[in-house]
N, C-alpha and C. Protein backbone atom coordinates (compact mmCIF):
# COMPACT_ATOMS: atom_id res chain seq x y z
N UNK A 1 -28.88 -54.86 27.87
CA UNK A 1 -27.41 -54.29 28.17
C UNK A 1 -26.71 -54.75 26.39
N UNK A 2 -27.02 -56.05 26.75
CA UNK A 2 -26.46 -56.79 25.61
C UNK A 2 -26.29 -56.02 24.32
N UNK A 3 -28.45 -55.89 23.75
CA UNK A 3 -28.62 -55.17 22.45
C UNK A 3 -27.81 -53.70 22.69
N UNK A 4 -27.81 -53.13 23.35
CA UNK A 4 -27.12 -51.75 23.32
C UNK A 4 -26.27 -52.27 22.73
N UNK A 5 -25.45 -52.42 23.26
CA UNK A 5 -23.72 -52.98 22.95
C UNK A 5 -23.08 -53.11 21.44
N UNK A 6 -24.48 -54.00 20.99
CA UNK A 6 -24.57 -54.61 19.43
C UNK A 6 -24.89 -53.37 18.71
N UNK A 7 -25.91 -52.68 19.17
CA UNK A 7 -26.29 -51.36 18.21
C UNK A 7 -24.90 -50.30 18.04
N UNK A 8 -24.24 -50.32 19.40
CA UNK A 8 -23.36 -49.61 19.79
C UNK A 8 -21.93 -49.95 18.39
N UNK A 9 -21.72 -50.68 18.36
CA UNK A 9 -20.78 -51.78 17.90
C UNK A 9 -21.36 -51.73 16.16
N UNK A 10 -22.32 -51.53 15.67
CA UNK A 10 -23.32 -51.72 14.38
C UNK A 10 -22.84 -50.15 13.82
N UNK A 11 -22.87 -49.04 14.89
CA UNK A 11 -22.60 -48.13 14.17
C UNK A 11 -21.32 -47.28 14.09
N UNK A 12 -20.80 -48.23 15.10
CA UNK A 12 -18.81 -48.18 14.55
C UNK A 12 -18.75 -48.86 13.31
N UNK A 13 -19.57 -49.80 12.82
CA UNK A 13 -18.61 -50.51 11.68
C UNK A 13 -19.45 -49.57 10.44
N UNK A 14 -20.75 -48.95 10.65
CA UNK A 14 -21.08 -48.54 9.16
C UNK A 14 -20.21 -47.01 9.59
N UNK A 15 -19.82 -46.47 10.20
CA UNK A 15 -18.96 -44.54 10.15
C UNK A 15 -18.06 -45.60 9.78
N UNK A 16 -17.08 -46.43 10.13
CA UNK A 16 -15.85 -46.08 9.52
C UNK A 16 -15.73 -47.20 8.30
N UNK A 17 -17.37 -47.66 7.42
CA UNK A 17 -16.53 -47.51 6.18
C UNK A 17 -17.36 -46.44 4.99
N UNK A 18 -17.86 -45.70 6.00
CA UNK A 18 -17.84 -44.18 5.64
C UNK A 18 -16.65 -43.65 4.36
N UNK A 19 -16.53 -43.65 2.96
CA UNK A 19 -15.62 -42.75 2.65
C UNK A 19 -14.97 -41.13 3.84
N UNK A 20 -13.44 -40.96 3.27
CA UNK A 20 -13.14 -39.82 4.24
C UNK A 20 -13.71 -38.69 3.57
N UNK A 21 -13.93 -38.39 2.87
CA UNK A 21 -14.43 -37.12 1.90
C UNK A 21 -16.10 -37.22 2.59
N UNK A 22 -16.43 -38.15 3.00
CA UNK A 22 -18.12 -38.48 3.02
C UNK A 22 -18.06 -37.51 5.85
N UNK A 23 -16.84 -38.47 5.42
CA UNK A 23 -17.11 -37.55 7.16
C UNK A 23 -16.64 -36.29 7.17
N UNK A 24 -15.82 -35.98 6.69
CA UNK A 24 -15.49 -34.67 6.85
C UNK A 24 -15.67 -33.34 5.60
N UNK A 25 -16.02 -32.75 5.86
CA UNK A 25 -15.22 -31.97 4.23
C UNK A 25 -15.34 -30.18 5.21
N UNK A 26 -14.45 -29.95 4.27
CA UNK A 26 -13.53 -28.39 3.89
C UNK A 26 -14.59 -27.54 3.73
N UNK A 27 -14.77 -26.64 4.58
CA UNK A 27 -15.94 -25.50 3.80
C UNK A 27 -15.21 -24.33 3.69
N UNK A 28 -14.49 -24.14 1.61
CA UNK A 28 -14.24 -22.79 2.17
C UNK A 28 -14.80 -21.61 2.47
N UNK A 29 -14.18 -20.61 3.20
CA UNK A 29 -14.42 -19.36 3.61
C UNK A 29 -15.10 -18.40 2.08
N UNK A 30 -15.86 -17.55 2.81
CA UNK A 30 -16.64 -16.82 1.72
C UNK A 30 -15.93 -14.91 2.08
N UNK A 31 -15.78 -15.29 3.83
CA UNK A 31 -15.44 -13.64 3.85
C UNK A 31 -13.81 -13.82 4.91
N UNK A 32 -13.17 -12.89 4.65
CA UNK A 32 -12.32 -12.60 5.83
C UNK A 32 -12.15 -11.54 6.13
N UNK A 33 -11.92 -11.04 7.44
CA UNK A 33 -11.64 -9.68 8.48
C UNK A 33 -10.51 -9.96 9.30
N UNK A 34 -9.46 -9.02 8.57
CA UNK A 34 -8.33 -8.61 9.21
C UNK A 34 -7.76 -7.61 10.03
N UNK A 35 -6.82 -7.04 10.72
CA UNK A 35 -6.46 -6.58 11.33
C UNK A 35 -4.97 -6.09 10.10
N UNK A 36 -5.07 -5.40 9.78
CA UNK A 36 -3.55 -5.03 8.71
C UNK A 36 -2.13 -3.69 9.29
N UNK A 37 -2.05 -4.34 8.71
CA UNK A 37 -0.57 -2.91 8.79
C UNK A 37 -0.09 -3.04 7.26
N UNK A 38 0.33 -2.06 6.92
CA UNK A 38 1.63 -1.41 6.07
C UNK A 38 1.73 0.40 6.13
N UNK A 39 2.74 0.00 5.24
CA UNK A 39 3.42 1.36 5.00
C UNK A 39 3.19 2.35 4.16
N UNK A 40 3.20 3.77 4.15
CA UNK A 40 3.18 4.86 2.93
C UNK A 40 4.35 5.50 3.05
N UNK A 41 4.45 6.12 1.79
CA UNK A 41 5.74 7.10 2.10
C UNK A 41 5.30 8.01 1.52
N UNK A 42 5.48 9.13 2.46
CA UNK A 42 4.95 10.59 2.22
C UNK A 42 5.79 11.30 1.34
N UNK A 43 5.49 12.35 -0.06
CA UNK A 43 6.11 12.78 -0.95
C UNK A 43 7.31 13.53 -0.18
N UNK A 44 7.35 13.87 0.76
CA UNK A 44 8.13 15.28 1.46
C UNK A 44 7.42 14.69 3.12
N UNK A 45 8.60 15.15 3.87
CA UNK A 45 9.04 15.65 4.88
C UNK A 45 8.21 16.07 5.24
N UNK A 46 8.58 17.31 5.34
CA UNK A 46 7.38 18.81 4.84
C UNK A 46 6.41 19.04 4.49
N UNK A 47 5.13 19.62 4.90
CA UNK A 47 4.14 20.47 4.33
C UNK A 47 4.15 21.92 4.36
N UNK A 48 4.55 22.37 3.59
CA UNK A 48 4.32 24.02 3.40
C UNK A 48 3.13 24.82 3.37
N UNK A 49 2.83 25.31 4.22
CA UNK A 49 1.28 26.26 4.45
C UNK A 49 2.82 27.60 5.18
N UNK A 50 2.04 29.00 3.95
CA UNK A 50 2.28 30.30 4.17
C UNK A 50 3.93 30.09 4.07
N UNK A 51 4.51 30.32 5.10
CA UNK A 51 5.98 30.61 5.26
C UNK A 51 6.46 29.86 6.86
N UNK A 52 5.58 28.63 6.82
CA UNK A 52 5.91 28.07 7.73
C UNK A 52 5.74 26.29 6.91
N UNK A 53 7.13 25.58 7.32
CA UNK A 53 6.67 24.09 6.95
C UNK A 53 6.63 23.38 8.76
N UNK A 54 5.61 22.34 7.65
CA UNK A 54 5.26 21.39 9.07
C UNK A 54 6.04 20.24 8.87
N UNK A 55 7.61 20.61 9.41
CA UNK A 55 8.85 18.77 9.51
C UNK A 55 8.25 17.80 10.12
N UNK A 56 8.28 16.11 9.70
CA UNK A 56 8.08 15.37 10.37
C UNK A 56 9.26 14.54 10.64
N UNK A 57 9.01 14.06 11.41
CA UNK A 57 9.82 12.56 11.89
C UNK A 57 10.69 12.05 10.78
N UNK A 58 9.78 11.22 10.00
CA UNK A 58 9.78 10.52 8.98
C UNK A 58 9.35 10.32 7.58
N UNK A 59 9.76 9.91 6.73
CA UNK A 59 8.76 9.98 5.60
C UNK A 59 7.93 8.64 5.54
N UNK A 60 8.44 8.02 6.24
CA UNK A 60 7.05 6.49 5.93
C UNK A 60 6.44 6.55 7.84
N UNK A 61 4.74 6.62 6.73
CA UNK A 61 3.96 6.37 7.49
C UNK A 61 3.07 4.96 8.10
N UNK A 62 2.99 4.79 9.66
CA UNK A 62 2.87 3.95 9.65
C UNK A 62 1.04 3.26 9.16
N UNK A 63 0.43 2.53 8.87
CA UNK A 63 -1.38 2.57 8.36
C UNK A 63 -1.41 1.72 9.03
N UNK A 64 -2.86 1.50 9.57
CA UNK A 64 -3.36 0.30 10.85
C UNK A 64 -4.93 0.78 10.32
N UNK A 65 -5.45 -0.77 9.49
CA UNK A 65 -6.45 -0.87 9.03
C UNK A 65 -7.03 -2.08 9.78
N UNK A 66 -8.55 -2.10 9.46
CA UNK A 66 -9.49 -3.47 9.39
C UNK A 66 -9.43 -3.25 7.95
N UNK A 67 -9.25 -4.74 7.94
CA UNK A 67 -9.39 -4.96 5.85
C UNK A 67 -10.41 -6.25 5.98
N UNK A 68 -11.31 -6.18 5.02
CA UNK A 68 -12.46 -7.13 4.62
C UNK A 68 -12.69 -7.97 3.04
N UNK A 69 -12.36 -8.97 3.18
CA UNK A 69 -12.59 -9.81 1.87
C UNK A 69 -13.84 -10.33 1.77
N UNK A 70 -14.65 -9.96 0.20
CA UNK A 70 -15.61 -11.56 0.61
C UNK A 70 -16.14 -11.98 -1.06
N UNK A 71 -16.42 -12.83 -0.89
CA UNK A 71 -16.18 -13.21 -2.25
C UNK A 71 -17.78 -13.22 -2.93
N UNK A 72 -17.57 -12.59 -3.79
CA UNK A 72 -18.99 -12.49 -4.90
C UNK A 72 -19.31 -12.74 -5.85
N UNK A 73 -18.57 -14.37 -6.69
CA UNK A 73 -18.63 -15.03 -7.38
C UNK A 73 -18.13 -16.24 -7.40
N UNK A 74 -18.37 -17.49 -7.72
CA UNK A 74 -17.20 -18.38 -8.62
C UNK A 74 -17.50 -18.19 -9.80
N UNK A 75 -16.09 -18.81 -10.52
CA UNK A 75 -16.71 -18.48 -11.99
C UNK A 75 -16.82 -19.90 -12.54
N UNK A 76 -17.13 -21.05 -11.36
CA UNK A 76 -17.75 -22.43 -11.76
C UNK A 76 -18.30 -22.76 -10.65
N UNK A 77 -19.50 -23.69 -11.01
CA UNK A 77 -20.17 -24.66 -9.12
C UNK A 77 -18.20 -25.75 -8.61
N UNK A 78 -18.09 -24.72 -7.26
CA UNK A 78 -16.30 -25.37 -6.42
C UNK A 78 -16.92 -26.70 -6.62
N UNK A 79 -18.00 -27.63 -6.28
CA UNK A 79 -17.82 -29.00 -6.85
C UNK A 79 -18.07 -29.77 -8.56
N UNK A 80 -17.71 -28.75 -9.15
CA UNK A 80 -18.36 -29.28 -10.42
C UNK A 80 -16.62 -30.29 -10.80
N UNK A 81 -16.82 -30.21 -12.03
CA UNK A 81 -15.38 -30.46 -13.10
C UNK A 81 -14.45 -29.48 -13.42
N UNK A 82 -15.25 -28.97 -13.82
CA UNK A 82 -14.67 -27.27 -14.53
C UNK A 82 -13.39 -26.93 -14.56
N UNK A 83 -12.96 -26.92 -14.93
CA UNK A 83 -11.30 -26.22 -14.83
C UNK A 83 -11.22 -25.09 -13.78
N UNK A 84 -12.09 -23.99 -14.15
CA UNK A 84 -12.60 -22.63 -12.71
C UNK A 84 -13.31 -22.69 -11.93
N UNK A 85 -13.47 -24.39 -11.20
CA UNK A 85 -13.84 -24.23 -10.21
C UNK A 85 -13.21 -24.15 -9.17
N UNK A 86 -12.29 -23.55 -9.46
CA UNK A 86 -11.13 -23.23 -8.25
C UNK A 86 -11.05 -21.57 -8.82
N UNK A 87 -11.35 -21.09 -9.52
CA UNK A 87 -11.73 -19.79 -9.36
C UNK A 87 -13.12 -18.75 -9.51
N UNK A 88 -12.50 -17.69 -8.68
CA UNK A 88 -13.41 -16.32 -8.29
C UNK A 88 -13.39 -14.91 -8.07
N UNK A 89 -14.44 -14.42 -8.18
CA UNK A 89 -14.31 -13.30 -7.93
C UNK A 89 -14.31 -12.73 -6.70
N UNK A 90 -13.31 -12.20 -6.07
CA UNK A 90 -13.72 -11.21 -4.94
C UNK A 90 -13.96 -9.31 -4.50
N UNK A 91 -14.47 -9.01 -3.63
CA UNK A 91 -14.18 -7.44 -3.60
C UNK A 91 -13.65 -7.14 -2.11
N UNK A 92 -13.13 -6.38 -2.02
CA UNK A 92 -11.93 -6.00 -0.89
C UNK A 92 -12.39 -4.72 -0.21
N UNK A 93 -12.41 -4.40 1.12
CA UNK A 93 -13.01 -3.35 1.46
C UNK A 93 -12.21 -2.84 3.14
N UNK A 94 -11.35 -1.87 2.83
CA UNK A 94 -10.45 -1.43 3.47
C UNK A 94 -10.19 0.20 4.52
N UNK A 95 -10.34 0.17 5.72
CA UNK A 95 -10.65 1.67 6.19
C UNK A 95 -9.62 1.66 6.93
N UNK A 96 -8.05 2.84 7.18
CA UNK A 96 -7.68 2.71 8.41
C UNK A 96 -7.13 4.09 8.74
N UNK A 97 -6.28 4.20 9.43
CA UNK A 97 -5.29 5.58 9.85
C UNK A 97 -4.34 5.98 9.90
N UNK A 98 -4.00 6.50 9.92
CA UNK A 98 -1.88 6.53 10.14
C UNK A 98 -1.90 8.09 10.76
N UNK A 99 -0.81 7.88 11.66
CA UNK A 99 -0.94 9.68 12.06
C UNK A 99 1.01 10.18 12.28
N UNK A 100 1.96 11.25 12.77
CA UNK A 100 3.30 11.24 12.34
C UNK A 100 2.88 12.66 13.10
N UNK A 101 3.82 13.24 13.48
CA UNK A 101 4.27 14.63 14.57
C UNK A 101 5.48 14.88 14.28
N UNK A 102 5.96 16.21 14.13
CA UNK A 102 6.57 17.13 14.08
C UNK A 102 6.82 18.40 14.28
N UNK A 103 7.64 19.38 13.87
CA UNK A 103 7.98 20.45 14.18
C UNK A 103 7.43 21.50 13.07
N UNK A 104 7.33 22.73 13.21
CA UNK A 104 6.91 23.27 12.84
C UNK A 104 8.43 24.46 12.67
N UNK A 105 9.13 25.32 11.62
CA UNK A 105 9.57 25.49 11.03
C UNK A 105 9.31 27.38 9.97
N UNK A 106 10.23 27.86 10.35
CA UNK A 106 9.90 29.28 9.73
C UNK A 106 10.33 29.00 8.56
N UNK A 107 9.86 29.32 7.80
CA UNK A 107 11.01 29.66 6.59
C UNK A 107 11.20 30.58 6.26
N UNK A 108 11.17 31.85 7.05
CA UNK A 108 11.68 33.50 6.71
C UNK A 108 13.47 33.39 7.28
N UNK A 109 13.19 32.24 8.35
CA UNK A 109 14.59 32.25 9.41
C UNK A 109 14.90 30.94 9.24
N UNK A 110 14.97 30.18 8.54
CA UNK A 110 15.25 28.45 8.54
C UNK A 110 15.13 27.73 10.04
N UNK A 111 14.55 28.78 10.80
CA UNK A 111 14.55 28.11 12.47
C UNK A 111 13.19 26.62 12.30
N UNK A 112 13.72 26.14 13.53
CA UNK A 112 12.65 25.63 14.20
C UNK A 112 12.33 25.97 15.29
N UNK A 113 10.47 26.69 15.27
CA UNK A 113 10.49 26.71 16.73
C UNK A 113 9.90 26.37 17.57
N UNK A 114 11.16 25.67 18.57
CA UNK A 114 10.79 24.91 20.00
C UNK A 114 9.53 24.57 20.51
N UNK A 115 9.01 25.86 20.98
CA UNK A 115 7.23 25.67 21.72
C UNK A 115 5.83 25.30 20.20
N UNK A 116 6.59 24.88 19.55
CA UNK A 116 5.10 24.69 18.08
C UNK A 116 5.30 22.94 17.41
N UNK A 117 4.45 22.74 18.36
CA UNK A 117 3.88 20.96 17.26
C UNK A 117 3.18 21.32 16.04
N UNK A 118 3.52 19.96 15.50
CA UNK A 118 2.70 19.71 14.48
C UNK A 118 2.24 18.35 14.44
N UNK A 119 1.20 18.05 13.65
CA UNK A 119 0.49 17.03 13.44
C UNK A 119 0.06 16.14 12.38
N UNK A 120 -0.19 15.00 11.63
CA UNK A 120 -0.40 15.02 10.84
C UNK A 120 -1.22 13.89 10.72
N UNK A 121 -2.62 13.98 10.59
CA UNK A 121 -3.37 12.35 10.34
C UNK A 121 -4.22 12.81 9.52
N UNK A 122 -3.77 10.94 8.66
CA UNK A 122 -4.62 10.54 7.29
C UNK A 122 -5.64 9.58 7.68
N UNK A 123 -6.95 9.19 7.28
CA UNK A 123 -7.36 8.49 7.56
C UNK A 123 -8.25 8.03 5.89
N UNK A 124 -7.87 7.04 5.41
CA UNK A 124 -7.86 6.02 4.08
C UNK A 124 -8.56 5.12 4.48
N UNK A 125 -9.10 4.75 2.85
CA UNK A 125 -10.27 3.98 2.65
C UNK A 125 -9.40 3.09 1.30
N UNK A 126 -10.05 2.41 0.85
CA UNK A 126 -9.47 1.06 -0.18
C UNK A 126 -10.70 0.38 -0.76
N UNK A 127 -11.09 -0.35 -1.87
CA UNK A 127 -12.27 -1.13 -2.56
C UNK A 127 -10.93 -1.70 -3.85
N UNK A 128 -10.85 -2.39 -3.58
CA UNK A 128 -10.15 -4.04 -4.68
C UNK A 128 -10.97 -4.74 -4.97
N UNK A 129 -10.91 -5.15 -6.23
CA UNK A 129 -11.35 -6.30 -7.21
C UNK A 129 -10.52 -7.90 -7.00
N UNK A 130 -10.49 -8.42 -6.91
CA UNK A 130 -9.34 -9.40 -7.13
C UNK A 130 -9.76 -10.92 -7.62
N UNK A 131 -9.17 -11.69 -8.24
CA UNK A 131 -9.44 -12.23 -9.08
C UNK A 131 -8.17 -13.91 -8.05
N UNK A 132 -9.29 -13.95 -7.80
CA UNK A 132 -8.44 -15.49 -6.62
C UNK A 132 -8.75 -16.90 -7.43
N UNK A 133 -7.59 -17.74 -6.70
CA UNK A 133 -7.89 -18.98 -7.03
C UNK A 133 -7.89 -20.11 -5.99
N UNK A 134 -8.28 -20.47 -5.67
CA UNK A 134 -8.51 -21.77 -4.44
C UNK A 134 -7.02 -22.99 -4.57
N UNK A 135 -6.19 -22.62 -4.47
CA UNK A 135 -5.17 -23.63 -4.95
C UNK A 135 -5.26 -24.61 -3.95
N UNK A 136 -5.86 -24.11 -2.69
CA UNK A 136 -6.24 -25.79 -1.66
C UNK A 136 -6.43 -25.14 -0.26
N UNK A 137 -6.82 -26.09 0.43
CA UNK A 137 -7.44 -25.54 1.41
C UNK A 137 -6.69 -24.35 2.09
N UNK A 138 -5.74 -24.71 2.14
CA UNK A 138 -4.85 -23.73 3.24
C UNK A 138 -4.29 -22.02 2.57
N UNK A 139 -4.25 -22.37 0.98
CA UNK A 139 -3.88 -21.16 0.07
C UNK A 139 -4.94 -20.63 -0.53
N UNK A 140 -4.54 -19.27 -0.78
CA UNK A 140 -5.94 -18.86 -1.35
C UNK A 140 -5.14 -17.27 -2.75
N UNK A 141 -4.40 -17.89 -3.40
CA UNK A 141 -3.42 -16.34 -3.95
C UNK A 141 -4.01 -15.50 -5.13
N UNK A 142 -4.06 -14.33 -5.00
CA UNK A 142 -4.91 -13.04 -5.80
C UNK A 142 -4.19 -12.53 -7.07
N UNK A 143 -5.09 -11.87 -7.76
CA UNK A 143 -4.71 -11.07 -8.68
C UNK A 143 -5.14 -10.20 -8.49
N UNK A 144 -5.13 -8.22 -8.01
CA UNK A 144 -6.74 -7.14 -7.98
C UNK A 144 -5.70 -6.12 -8.51
N UNK A 145 -6.69 -4.96 -8.37
CA UNK A 145 -6.64 -4.04 -8.89
C UNK A 145 -7.34 -2.81 -7.94
N UNK A 146 -6.50 -1.88 -7.10
CA UNK A 146 -8.16 -1.27 -6.06
C UNK A 146 -7.12 0.19 -6.19
N UNK A 147 -8.62 1.22 -5.43
CA UNK A 147 -8.31 2.21 -5.46
C UNK A 147 -7.71 2.60 -3.82
N UNK A 148 -7.32 3.85 -3.85
CA UNK A 148 -7.14 4.16 -2.79
C UNK A 148 -7.80 5.88 -2.52
N UNK A 149 -8.45 6.17 -1.60
CA UNK A 149 -8.59 7.81 -1.30
C UNK A 149 -8.67 7.79 0.07
N UNK A 150 -8.52 9.13 0.58
CA UNK A 150 -7.42 9.24 1.34
C UNK A 150 -8.19 11.01 1.86
N UNK A 151 -8.19 11.05 2.86
CA UNK A 151 -8.62 12.28 3.46
C UNK A 151 -6.83 12.61 5.20
N UNK A 152 -6.77 13.51 4.73
CA UNK A 152 -5.32 14.01 5.19
C UNK A 152 -6.03 15.32 6.33
N UNK A 153 -5.14 15.39 7.30
CA UNK A 153 -5.26 16.93 8.02
C UNK A 153 -3.85 17.61 8.54
N UNK A 154 -3.41 18.58 8.55
CA UNK A 154 -2.57 18.78 9.18
C UNK A 154 -2.56 19.84 10.27
N UNK A 155 -2.26 19.61 11.41
CA UNK A 155 -2.68 20.14 12.21
C UNK A 155 -1.18 21.10 13.05
N UNK A 156 -1.33 22.30 13.79
CA UNK A 156 -0.63 22.56 14.50
C UNK A 156 -0.49 23.18 15.51
N UNK A 157 0.32 23.82 16.46
CA UNK A 157 -0.77 24.68 17.41
C UNK A 157 -0.32 26.05 17.72
N UNK A 158 0.47 26.68 15.85
CA UNK A 158 -0.37 27.52 14.84
C UNK A 158 -0.99 27.16 14.23
N UNK A 159 -1.80 28.64 14.20
CA UNK A 159 -3.02 28.14 12.98
C UNK A 159 -2.91 27.99 11.54
N UNK A 160 -1.90 29.14 11.51
CA UNK A 160 -1.42 29.41 10.33
C UNK A 160 -0.49 28.48 9.57
N UNK A 161 -0.49 27.43 10.30
CA UNK A 161 0.64 26.66 9.60
C UNK A 161 -0.28 25.65 9.40
N UNK A 162 -1.59 25.38 9.64
CA UNK A 162 -2.49 23.99 9.28
C UNK A 162 -3.10 24.09 8.04
N UNK A 163 -3.40 22.76 7.30
CA UNK A 163 -3.93 22.63 6.08
C UNK A 163 -4.90 21.55 6.38
N UNK A 164 -5.75 20.82 4.88
CA UNK A 164 -6.60 19.76 5.53
C UNK A 164 -6.88 18.86 3.48
N UNK A 165 -6.74 18.46 2.93
CA UNK A 165 -6.72 18.12 1.43
C UNK A 165 -7.01 16.52 1.16
N UNK A 166 -7.59 16.48 0.33
CA UNK A 166 -7.85 14.49 0.39
C UNK A 166 -7.23 14.37 -1.30
N UNK A 167 -6.90 13.34 -1.38
CA UNK A 167 -6.65 12.50 -2.76
C UNK A 167 -6.30 11.18 -2.80
N UNK A 168 -5.76 10.20 -3.56
CA UNK A 168 -6.39 9.29 -3.94
C UNK A 168 -4.88 8.68 -4.40
N UNK A 169 -4.80 7.17 -4.95
CA UNK A 169 -3.26 6.51 -5.64
C UNK A 169 -4.61 5.30 -5.83
N UNK A 170 -4.30 4.21 -7.36
CA UNK A 170 -4.65 3.14 -7.45
C UNK A 170 -3.39 2.01 -7.65
N UNK A 171 -3.67 1.13 -8.06
CA UNK A 171 -2.86 0.57 -8.87
C UNK A 171 -3.35 -1.55 -8.98
N UNK A 172 -2.36 -2.34 -9.03
CA UNK A 172 -2.07 -3.06 -9.40
C UNK A 172 -2.01 -4.86 -7.92
N UNK A 173 -2.11 -5.23 -7.31
CA UNK A 173 -1.91 -5.55 -5.74
C UNK A 173 -1.50 -7.55 -6.55
N UNK A 174 -1.09 -8.21 -6.16
CA UNK A 174 -0.86 -9.30 -5.77
C UNK A 174 -0.54 -10.11 -4.17
N UNK A 175 -1.49 -11.00 -3.83
CA UNK A 175 -0.82 -11.26 -2.92
C UNK A 175 -2.14 -12.75 -2.30
N UNK A 176 -1.60 -13.35 -1.58
CA UNK A 176 -2.08 -14.27 -1.13
C UNK A 176 -3.01 -14.32 0.88
N UNK A 177 -4.11 -15.17 0.76
CA UNK A 177 -4.58 -15.68 2.12
C UNK A 177 -4.16 -17.24 2.49
N UNK A 178 -4.15 -16.91 3.69
CA UNK A 178 -3.33 -18.47 4.56
C UNK A 178 -4.65 -18.63 5.62
N UNK A 179 -5.75 -19.24 5.83
CA UNK A 179 -6.05 -20.33 5.78
C UNK A 179 -5.89 -20.49 7.29
N UNK A 180 -4.37 -20.57 8.00
CA UNK A 180 -3.77 -21.79 8.47
C UNK A 180 -4.13 -22.02 9.96
N UNK A 181 -4.97 -21.56 10.72
CA UNK A 181 -5.19 -21.23 11.96
C UNK A 181 -5.56 -22.20 12.63
N UNK A 182 -5.74 -21.84 13.84
CA UNK A 182 -7.34 -22.91 14.34
C UNK A 182 -8.23 -23.57 13.67
N UNK A 183 -8.17 -24.03 12.48
CA UNK A 183 -8.54 -25.47 11.29
C UNK A 183 -9.69 -24.66 10.93
N UNK A 184 -8.41 -23.32 10.28
CA UNK A 184 -9.17 -23.16 9.13
C UNK A 184 -10.01 -21.74 9.39
N UNK A 185 -9.75 -21.31 10.48
CA UNK A 185 -10.78 -19.79 11.44
C UNK A 185 -10.03 -18.86 11.30
N UNK A 186 -9.18 -18.77 11.43
CA UNK A 186 -7.71 -18.01 11.48
C UNK A 186 -7.19 -17.93 10.66
N UNK A 187 -6.66 -16.86 9.89
CA UNK A 187 -6.14 -16.25 8.27
C UNK A 187 -4.38 -15.67 8.46
N UNK A 188 -4.17 -15.79 8.21
CA UNK A 188 -3.17 -14.52 7.75
C UNK A 188 -2.96 -14.17 5.91
N UNK A 189 -2.88 -12.56 6.15
CA UNK A 189 -2.88 -11.65 4.92
C UNK A 189 -1.27 -11.14 4.46
N UNK A 190 -0.61 -11.51 3.38
CA UNK A 190 0.35 -10.93 3.21
C UNK A 190 -0.19 -10.45 0.94
N UNK A 191 0.28 -9.27 1.16
CA UNK A 191 0.37 -8.50 -0.59
C UNK A 191 1.28 -7.97 -0.77
N UNK A 192 1.64 -7.61 -1.47
CA UNK A 192 2.73 -6.72 -2.63
C UNK A 192 1.68 -5.93 -3.39
N UNK A 193 1.48 -4.17 -2.89
CA UNK A 193 1.43 -3.36 -4.44
C UNK A 193 1.84 -2.24 -5.13
N UNK A 194 1.87 -1.53 -6.21
CA UNK A 194 2.20 -0.76 -6.31
C UNK A 194 1.19 0.56 -6.48
N UNK A 195 1.41 1.41 -5.82
CA UNK A 195 0.97 2.42 -5.69
C UNK A 195 1.24 3.45 -6.63
N UNK A 196 0.47 4.21 -7.59
CA UNK A 196 0.31 4.61 -7.98
C UNK A 196 -0.80 6.32 -7.82
N UNK A 197 -0.22 7.52 -7.75
CA UNK A 197 -0.59 8.55 -7.03
C UNK A 197 -0.84 9.15 -8.55
N UNK A 198 -2.39 10.05 -8.04
CA UNK A 198 -3.23 10.76 -8.66
C UNK A 198 -2.42 12.39 -9.15
N UNK A 199 -2.57 12.43 -9.98
CA UNK A 199 -2.01 14.28 -9.92
C UNK A 199 -2.27 15.34 -9.99
N UNK A 200 -2.36 15.97 -8.53
CA UNK A 200 -2.56 16.26 -6.93
C UNK A 200 -2.36 17.35 -6.97
N UNK A 201 -2.59 18.65 -6.53
CA UNK A 201 -2.13 19.70 -5.58
C UNK A 201 -1.52 19.00 -4.37
N UNK A 202 -2.70 18.79 -3.89
CA UNK A 202 -3.38 17.82 -1.69
C UNK A 202 -2.63 16.85 -1.89
N UNK A 203 -1.75 15.62 -3.03
CA UNK A 203 -0.80 14.73 -2.82
C UNK A 203 0.22 14.75 -1.75
N UNK A 204 0.07 14.01 -0.94
CA UNK A 204 1.29 13.73 0.44
C UNK A 204 1.59 12.77 0.00
N UNK A 205 1.31 11.82 -0.82
CA UNK A 205 2.27 10.85 -0.68
C UNK A 205 2.37 10.42 -1.97
N UNK A 206 4.10 9.41 -2.40
CA UNK A 206 4.95 8.90 -3.18
C UNK A 206 4.57 8.04 -3.40
N UNK A 207 4.23 7.53 -4.93
CA UNK A 207 4.34 6.41 -5.58
C UNK A 207 5.31 5.69 -4.89
N UNK A 208 4.75 3.94 -4.87
CA UNK A 208 5.48 3.12 -4.51
C UNK A 208 5.03 2.22 -4.59
N UNK A 209 5.96 0.93 -4.26
CA UNK A 209 5.82 -0.19 -4.29
C UNK A 209 6.11 -0.99 -2.55
N UNK A 210 4.33 -1.47 -2.14
CA UNK A 210 4.41 -1.72 -0.71
C UNK A 210 3.59 -2.61 -0.47
N UNK A 211 4.30 -2.89 0.53
CA UNK A 211 3.34 -4.55 1.15
C UNK A 211 2.21 -3.90 2.57
N UNK A 212 1.60 -5.38 2.25
CA UNK A 212 0.52 -5.48 3.23
C UNK A 212 0.56 -6.87 4.30
N UNK A 213 0.54 -6.78 5.40
CA UNK A 213 0.44 -7.50 6.66
C UNK A 213 -0.63 -8.09 6.99
N UNK A 214 -0.98 -8.86 7.37
CA UNK A 214 -2.85 -9.44 8.35
C UNK A 214 -2.73 -10.58 9.18
N UNK A 215 -3.32 -10.14 9.99
CA UNK A 215 -4.37 -11.31 10.95
C UNK A 215 -5.19 -11.14 11.52
N UNK A 216 -6.18 -11.99 10.79
CA UNK A 216 -7.66 -12.17 10.58
C UNK A 216 -8.50 -13.78 11.00
N UNK A 217 -9.47 -13.34 10.93
CA UNK A 217 -10.34 -14.51 11.12
C UNK A 217 -11.36 -14.75 9.00
N UNK A 218 -11.02 -15.97 9.54
CA UNK A 218 -12.48 -16.38 8.15
C UNK A 218 -13.56 -17.38 7.92
N UNK A 219 -14.38 -16.93 7.28
CA UNK A 219 -16.01 -17.12 8.35
C UNK A 219 -16.51 -17.44 6.69
């Protein structure tokens, strides 16, 4: 019993003399997966087809997405002495959807058809290249540029009022990732971006300055 106690005491003394950096090291995450919310602005509250308008309740559409960030490469060895050791390029890949309901209006009489309903479904994707800075274990700001293709379908109880199409948006972004939850395993995302719309007859969104908010995991 005495020998075992002495060995345990020696082990405790050895561990206690190790530098703090050798006792625990934070490994910066290389991937983030978020549940993301943002809002897009419709260029018009109504979609015109034939002599009917599908008029929606709001020109704001809520978009819910799965949002994945993956580190492409570090600009320098993160454990080295280079000025660039905290910088990295990241890829971002997002897929989401939004829905909006509304009424059908007859353009000839400017009357709402009470028995008819319309629905707008949008499926939207996003690819983005980010230049990120590992400011600290808790904060990772980035700047980036994104491209957002999307598909929409305007359905109605009247087939003559239906339509579908596809278009895209693009623009710069400025955001920050905060792996501050559950010992760095949970993360928050906040971003401001500028959406620039492409010239297209199928474009249903307007250019805007918008924002994203996400909650997810880092790994």
